[in-house]
Protein backbone atom coordinates (compact mmCIF):
# COMPACT_ATOMS: atom_id res chain seq x y z
CA UNK A 1 16.69 58.02 27.06
CA UNK A 2 17.99 56.37 24.32
CA UNK A 3 21.33 58.11 24.53
CA UNK A 4 21.64 57.97 28.12
CA UNK A 5 21.05 53.62 26.67
CA UNK A 6 24.11 54.92 24.01
CA UNK A 7 25.86 55.88 26.46
CA UNK A 8 25.47 59.50 23.41
CA UNK A 9 24.69 63.09 23.82
CA UNK A 10 23.16 63.58 20.31
CA UNK A 11 20.21 66.40 20.28
CA UNK A 12 17.51 65.16 17.95
CA UNK A 13 17.22 66.73 14.57
CA UNK A 14 12.95 66.72 13.36
CA UNK A 15 12.39 67.04 9.82
CA UNK A 16 8.59 67.93 8.97
CA UNK A 17 7.35 64.08 8.18
CA UNK A 18 5.78 63.93 4.33
CA UNK A 19 2.96 61.08 4.84
CA UNK A 20 -0.35 62.23 6.06
CA UNK A 21 -0.92 59.46 7.57
CA UNK A 22 2.14 58.26 9.89
CA UNK A 23 3.09 57.01 14.05
CA UNK A 24 2.72 60.28 15.76
CA UNK A 25 -1.55 59.56 14.19
CA UNK A 26 -1.65 56.25 15.92
CA UNK A 27 -1.18 55.08 19.21
CA UNK A 28 -0.13 51.80 21.11
CA UNK A 29 -2.17 51.29 23.73
CA UNK A 30 -2.87 47.90 24.81
CA UNK A 31 -5.93 49.10 27.44
CA UNK A 32 -8.25 46.60 25.50
CA UNK A 33 -6.54 43.42 25.07
CA UNK A 34 -5.92 43.96 28.65
CA UNK A 35 -9.30 44.44 29.43
CA UNK A 36 -9.90 41.82 28.25
CA UNK A 37 -7.96 39.05 29.12
CA UNK A 38 -6.24 40.87 32.24
CA UNK A 39 -2.70 40.22 30.76
CA UNK A 40 0.20 42.76 31.19
CA UNK A 41 3.12 43.69 28.98
CA UNK A 42 6.08 41.52 29.75
CA UNK A 43 8.60 43.54 28.62
CA UNK A 44 8.70 47.46 30.61
CA UNK A 45 9.15 50.13 27.56
CA UNK A 46 12.34 50.93 29.50
CA UNK A 47 13.72 47.55 28.95
CA UNK A 48 12.56 47.63 25.17
CA UNK A 49 13.97 50.64 24.73
CA UNK A 50 17.97 48.25 25.73
CA UNK A 51 17.01 45.70 23.61
CA UNK A 52 17.01 47.73 20.32
CA UNK A 53 19.63 49.41 21.33
CA UNK A 54 21.72 46.57 22.37
CA UNK A 55 22.70 45.20 19.01
CA UNK A 56 24.62 48.97 18.71
CA UNK A 57 26.52 48.85 21.49
CA UNK A 58 28.50 45.86 19.98
């Protein structure tokens, strides 16, 4: 998806993480807050990626 937004064709290079606890051990899940409040995300995942990549297109 990032390649698509940036107009690139770069193959990711995966390297072993040296930290025992890292982001792969966490999960972004808004279900609890959604159940409690009924709120939905205001920005889709795709739009979030586009926003993060935007400055690199300038």
